[in-house]
Amino acid sequence: MHLSPDQAHPPTPETVDRREGPYGEVVLRRRGEDFEIIANGCFLMDTSDGRSERLLIDAALAALPAGRPAPALLIGGLGVGFSLTHAAREPRWGRIAVVEREAAVIDWHRAGPLARISAGALADPRTELLHTDLVAHLRESGERYDALCLDIDNGPNWTVSEENDGLYGPAGLAACRARLTPGGVLAVWSAQPSAAFEEALRNAGFTEVRTEEIAVARGVPDVVHLGRRPDLPA
C-alpha cells in the first residue's frame, strides 16, 4: 500500500463509490485525473505513480533462480492494478494469481473506472482472480508458487486491519514459506524499512534477505522486503 506525495494545491477529492463490507468501509475517490482507494479511513494507494508496484514484481522475478521456466506468481492485493498489469506485460511469468478480499475493488476493475488500468491484464489467459482473504488462502490452499508479491498494507508495521497482523509474524511467514516452491521468493511492499521484519524473515527460514528502496517525494523511501525459500528443505 502506498502513501501519496504531497501536492502544492491538490484537487478536492470526489467520492466515486463507498461500500461497507466484512472488513469495514472501502472507498474509491477521484482526485483530478487520479483515483484513490481508502479503507476504514486509511489511505492505501492511488494511480499517480506505479514505480513501487513495478519494483515489487521485477525484484521478485530477478531474485528467482536463473532459468526457471514459466514461474507461477501470486499477487496479494489487486489494489489499483499496477502490479498485475506490470506482471502481465512480462512474458516470462507463467500462471498469475491475484488474491483480493474486497468485492468492491474487484467490481471497480471489472466494470468500473479502474478497468482502464487492468482490463488487458485480467483478460490475459495466465491471470486468475481469486476473491478471498490472502491470509486464509496462504494458510489453507495447497497451491504452490515460485513468487509471492504481497501488497495489502502500508507495511508490516502499519496494517489496514487486525486480520492482516498475523501475516507478518511467525505463523504468517511460515504459511508464505509453505506456499513457495524450493528457491521461491517472497516480496513484501512497505511504506518504510523495517529491520524487525528483516529479522522475522530470517527467523522464519528465509535466506538472502534484503531490502530494496524506492525514492519518494519526501520522507523515508518506500521499500520491498525480499527473502528466498532455501532450495532444499531446512
Protein backbone atom coordinates (compact mmCIF):
# COMPACT_ATOMS: atom_id res chain seq x y z
CA MET A 1 0.00 0.00 0.00
CA HIS A 2 1.15 3.48 -0.72
CA LEU A 3 1.34 6.94 0.76
CA SER A 4 0.59 9.67 -1.75
CA PRO A 5 3.14 12.52 -2.04
CA ASP A 6 2.03 16.00 -1.01
CA GLN A 7 0.94 18.35 -3.75
CA ALA A 8 1.05 22.14 -3.55
CA HIS A 9 -2.62 22.54 -4.49
CA PRO A 10 -4.25 19.10 -4.64
CA PRO A 11 -7.69 18.93 -6.27
CA THR A 12 -10.62 18.30 -3.95
CA PRO A 13 -11.36 14.55 -3.87
CA GLU A 14 -14.69 13.28 -5.17
CA THR A 15 -16.20 10.07 -3.80
CA VAL A 16 -16.96 7.69 -6.67
CA ASP A 17 -18.14 4.70 -4.63
CA ARG A 18 -18.39 3.76 -0.96
CA ARG A 19 -19.05 0.23 0.31
CA GLU A 20 -19.46 -1.46 3.68
CA GLY A 21 -18.07 -4.98 3.70
CA PRO A 22 -16.99 -7.70 6.11
CA TYR A 23 -13.69 -5.89 6.75
CA GLY A 24 -15.16 -2.39 7.12
CA GLU A 25 -15.56 0.55 4.78
CA VAL A 26 -13.78 0.84 1.45
CA VAL A 27 -13.98 3.98 -0.69
CA LEU A 28 -12.93 4.86 -4.23
CA ARG A 29 -12.21 8.58 -4.73
CA ARG A 30 -11.25 10.61 -7.76
CA ARG A 31 -8.73 13.41 -7.29
CA GLY A 32 -8.23 15.22 -10.57
CA GLU A 33 -7.14 12.57 -13.09
CA ASP A 34 -6.21 10.04 -10.42
CA PHE A 35 -8.13 7.54 -8.30
CA GLU A 36 -7.53 6.69 -4.63
CA ILE A 37 -8.53 3.70 -2.50
CA ILE A 38 -9.34 4.38 1.16
CA ALA A 39 -10.03 1.56 3.64
CA ASN A 40 -11.50 2.32 7.05
CA GLY A 41 -10.35 5.91 6.68
CA CYS A 42 -6.74 4.89 5.87
CA PHE A 43 -5.22 5.98 2.55
CA LEU A 44 -3.94 2.87 0.77
CA MET A 45 -2.84 3.75 -2.74
CA ASP A 46 -3.58 5.85 -5.79
CA THR A 47 -2.94 5.86 -9.51
CA SER A 48 -0.43 8.72 -9.51
CA ASP A 49 2.77 6.62 -9.56
CA GLY A 50 3.30 2.91 -10.06
CA ARG A 51 7.09 2.66 -9.61
CA SER A 52 6.99 0.72 -6.38
CA GLU A 53 4.37 -1.75 -7.67
CA ARG A 54 6.58 -2.43 -10.68
CA LEU A 55 9.64 -2.93 -8.48
CA LEU A 56 7.69 -5.41 -6.34
CA ILE A 57 7.17 -7.62 -9.39
CA ASP A 58 10.56 -7.07 -11.03
CA ALA A 59 12.56 -7.66 -7.85
CA ALA A 60 10.82 -10.97 -7.25
CA LEU A 61 11.46 -12.16 -10.80
CA ALA A 62 15.12 -11.10 -10.66
CA ALA A 63 15.63 -12.98 -7.38
CA LEU A 64 14.39 -16.30 -8.75
CA PRO A 65 16.95 -18.94 -9.74
CA ALA A 66 18.16 -18.37 -13.29
CA GLY A 67 16.44 -20.37 -15.97
CA ARG A 68 13.31 -21.29 -14.04
CA PRO A 69 10.67 -21.82 -16.76
CA ALA A 70 7.29 -20.02 -16.57
CA PRO A 71 7.37 -19.30 -12.82
CA ALA A 72 3.99 -19.11 -11.08
CA LEU A 73 3.23 -15.80 -9.36
CA LEU A 74 0.80 -14.92 -6.59
CA ILE A 75 -0.01 -11.21 -6.13
CA GLY A 76 -1.54 -10.38 -2.77
CA GLY A 77 -3.86 -7.42 -3.27
CA LEU A 78 -5.34 -6.18 -6.56
CA GLY A 79 -5.25 -2.54 -5.42
CA VAL A 80 -5.29 -0.11 -8.34
CA GLY A 81 -3.99 -2.85 -10.64
CA PHE A 82 -0.44 -1.67 -11.28
CA SER A 83 1.28 -4.85 -10.02
CA LEU A 84 -0.98 -7.15 -12.03
CA THR A 85 -0.68 -5.05 -15.18
CA HIS A 86 3.10 -4.97 -14.94
CA ALA A 87 3.29 -8.73 -14.36
CA ALA A 88 1.04 -9.44 -17.35
CA ARG A 89 3.39 -7.43 -19.58
CA GLU A 90 6.24 -9.81 -18.71
CA PRO A 91 6.14 -12.94 -20.90
CA ARG A 92 8.44 -14.88 -18.57
CA TRP A 93 5.73 -15.28 -15.92
CA GLY A 94 3.57 -18.38 -16.18
CA ARG A 95 0.38 -18.51 -14.10
CA ILE A 96 -0.51 -15.18 -12.42
CA ALA A 97 -2.93 -15.49 -9.50
CA VAL A 98 -4.28 -12.35 -7.81
CA VAL A 99 -5.94 -12.52 -4.39
CA GLU A 100 -8.34 -9.70 -3.45
CA ARG A 101 -10.74 -9.87 -0.49
CA GLU A 102 -12.77 -6.72 -1.24
CA ALA A 103 -15.66 -7.28 -3.66
CA ALA A 104 -15.79 -3.53 -4.28
CA VAL A 105 -12.20 -3.44 -5.55
CA ILE A 106 -12.92 -6.32 -7.92
CA ASP A 107 -16.03 -4.52 -9.20
CA TRP A 108 -14.06 -1.31 -9.82
CA HIS A 109 -11.69 -3.28 -12.03
CA ARG A 110 -14.20 -5.46 -13.84
CA ALA A 111 -16.80 -2.81 -14.65
CA GLY A 112 -15.66 0.42 -13.04
CA PRO A 113 -13.16 3.21 -13.57
CA LEU A 114 -10.10 1.07 -12.73
CA ALA A 115 -10.79 -1.16 -15.74
CA ARG A 116 -8.82 1.30 -17.83
CA ILE A 117 -5.71 0.07 -15.97
CA SER A 118 -6.32 -3.65 -15.60
CA ALA A 119 -8.71 -4.83 -18.33
CA GLY A 120 -5.97 -6.22 -20.53
CA ALA A 121 -4.23 -7.98 -17.67
CA LEU A 122 -7.45 -9.52 -16.36
CA ALA A 123 -8.16 -10.83 -19.86
CA ASP A 124 -4.71 -12.45 -20.07
CA PRO A 125 -5.19 -16.25 -20.11
CA ARG A 126 -2.46 -16.62 -17.47
CA THR A 127 -4.41 -14.48 -14.97
CA GLU A 128 -6.66 -15.94 -12.26
CA LEU A 129 -8.52 -13.55 -9.94
CA LEU A 130 -9.34 -15.07 -6.55
CA HIS A 131 -11.94 -13.36 -4.37
CA THR A 132 -10.74 -14.46 -0.96
CA ASP A 133 -8.69 -13.33 2.03
CA LEU A 134 -4.94 -13.55 1.43
CA VAL A 135 -4.08 -14.83 4.90
CA ALA A 136 -6.70 -17.58 4.62
CA HIS A 137 -5.52 -18.52 1.12
CA LEU A 138 -1.92 -18.84 2.27
CA ARG A 139 -2.86 -20.99 5.25
CA GLU A 140 -5.50 -23.18 3.65
CA SER A 141 -4.64 -23.51 -0.02
CA GLY A 142 -2.47 -26.30 -1.33
CA GLU A 143 -1.27 -24.17 -4.23
CA ARG A 144 2.46 -23.63 -4.69
CA TYR A 145 4.03 -20.57 -6.29
CA ASP A 146 7.51 -19.54 -7.36
CA ALA A 147 6.97 -15.96 -6.17
CA LEU A 148 4.67 -14.26 -3.68
CA CYS A 149 4.33 -10.48 -4.14
CA LEU A 150 2.34 -9.07 -1.23
CA ASP A 151 0.94 -5.54 -1.10
CA ILE A 152 -2.10 -5.48 1.17
CA ASP A 153 -1.00 -2.96 3.82
CA ASN A 154 1.16 0.11 4.30
CA GLY A 155 3.76 -2.36 5.57
CA PRO A 156 4.45 -4.88 8.33
CA ASN A 157 4.33 -2.12 10.95
CA TRP A 158 1.19 -0.41 9.60
CA THR A 159 -1.60 -2.85 8.82
CA VAL A 160 -5.00 -1.92 7.45
CA SER A 161 -6.96 -4.35 9.62
CA GLU A 162 -6.30 -6.63 12.58
CA GLU A 163 -6.88 -9.65 10.36
CA ASN A 164 -3.67 -8.81 8.47
CA ASP A 165 -1.44 -8.59 11.53
CA GLY A 166 -0.77 -12.32 11.57
CA LEU A 167 0.68 -12.28 8.06
CA TYR A 168 3.93 -10.69 9.22
CA GLY A 169 4.50 -12.84 12.30
CA PRO A 170 5.94 -16.36 12.60
CA ALA A 171 2.73 -18.19 11.63
CA GLY A 172 2.05 -15.98 8.62
CA LEU A 173 5.59 -16.18 7.32
CA ALA A 174 5.57 -19.95 7.80
CA ALA A 175 2.43 -20.07 5.64
CA CYS A 176 4.18 -17.98 2.99
CA ARG A 177 7.18 -20.28 3.06
CA ALA A 178 4.93 -23.33 2.72
CA ARG A 179 3.26 -21.89 -0.40
CA LEU A 180 6.62 -21.33 -2.13
CA THR A 181 8.47 -23.85 -4.25
CA PRO A 182 12.10 -24.51 -3.26
CA GLY A 183 14.11 -21.43 -4.21
CA GLY A 184 10.92 -19.37 -4.43
CA VAL A 185 10.84 -15.69 -3.50
CA LEU A 186 8.72 -13.71 -1.06
CA ALA A 187 8.48 -9.95 -1.81
CA VAL A 188 6.61 -7.64 0.59
CA TRP A 189 5.84 -3.96 -0.08
CA SER A 190 6.24 -1.48 2.79
CA ALA A 191 5.91 2.28 3.23
CA GLN A 192 9.09 2.25 5.32
CA PRO A 193 12.05 -0.05 6.02
CA SER A 194 11.72 -2.48 8.92
CA ALA A 195 14.80 -4.10 10.42
CA ALA A 196 12.50 -6.10 12.69
CA PHE A 197 10.70 -7.59 9.68
CA GLU A 198 14.01 -8.50 8.05
CA GLU A 199 14.89 -10.39 11.23
CA ALA A 200 11.46 -12.04 11.22
CA LEU A 201 12.10 -13.26 7.67
CA ARG A 202 15.41 -14.80 8.70
CA ASN A 203 13.83 -16.41 11.76
CA ALA A 204 11.15 -17.91 9.50
CA GLY A 205 13.82 -19.68 7.45
CA PHE A 206 14.17 -17.27 4.53
CA THR A 207 17.63 -16.70 3.07
CA GLU A 208 19.17 -13.89 1.02
CA VAL A 209 17.02 -11.42 2.94
CA ARG A 210 17.40 -7.84 1.73
CA THR A 211 15.50 -4.59 1.26
CA GLU A 212 15.27 -2.58 -1.97
CA GLU A 213 14.33 1.11 -1.75
CA ILE A 214 12.15 3.31 -3.96
CA ALA A 215 12.68 7.07 -3.64
CA VAL A 216 9.59 9.14 -2.79
CA ALA A 217 8.87 12.86 -2.91
CA ARG A 218 9.51 13.32 0.80
CA GLY A 219 10.30 11.29 3.90
CA VAL A 220 11.67 7.76 4.11
CA PRO A 221 11.68 5.66 0.92
CA ASP A 222 9.12 3.00 0.07
CA VAL A 223 10.72 -0.44 0.15
CA VAL A 224 10.34 -4.03 -0.98
CA HIS A 225 11.48 -6.66 1.53
CA LEU A 226 12.78 -9.83 -0.15
CA GLY A 227 13.63 -13.33 1.02
CA ARG A 228 14.08 -16.73 -0.62
CA ARG A 229 12.91 -20.14 0.50
CA PRO A 230 16.00 -22.38 0.55
CA ASP A 231 16.45 -24.65 -2.45
CA LEU A 232 16.47 -27.67 -0.14
CA PRO A 233 14.16 -28.24 2.85
CA ALA A 234 15.55 -26.65 6.03
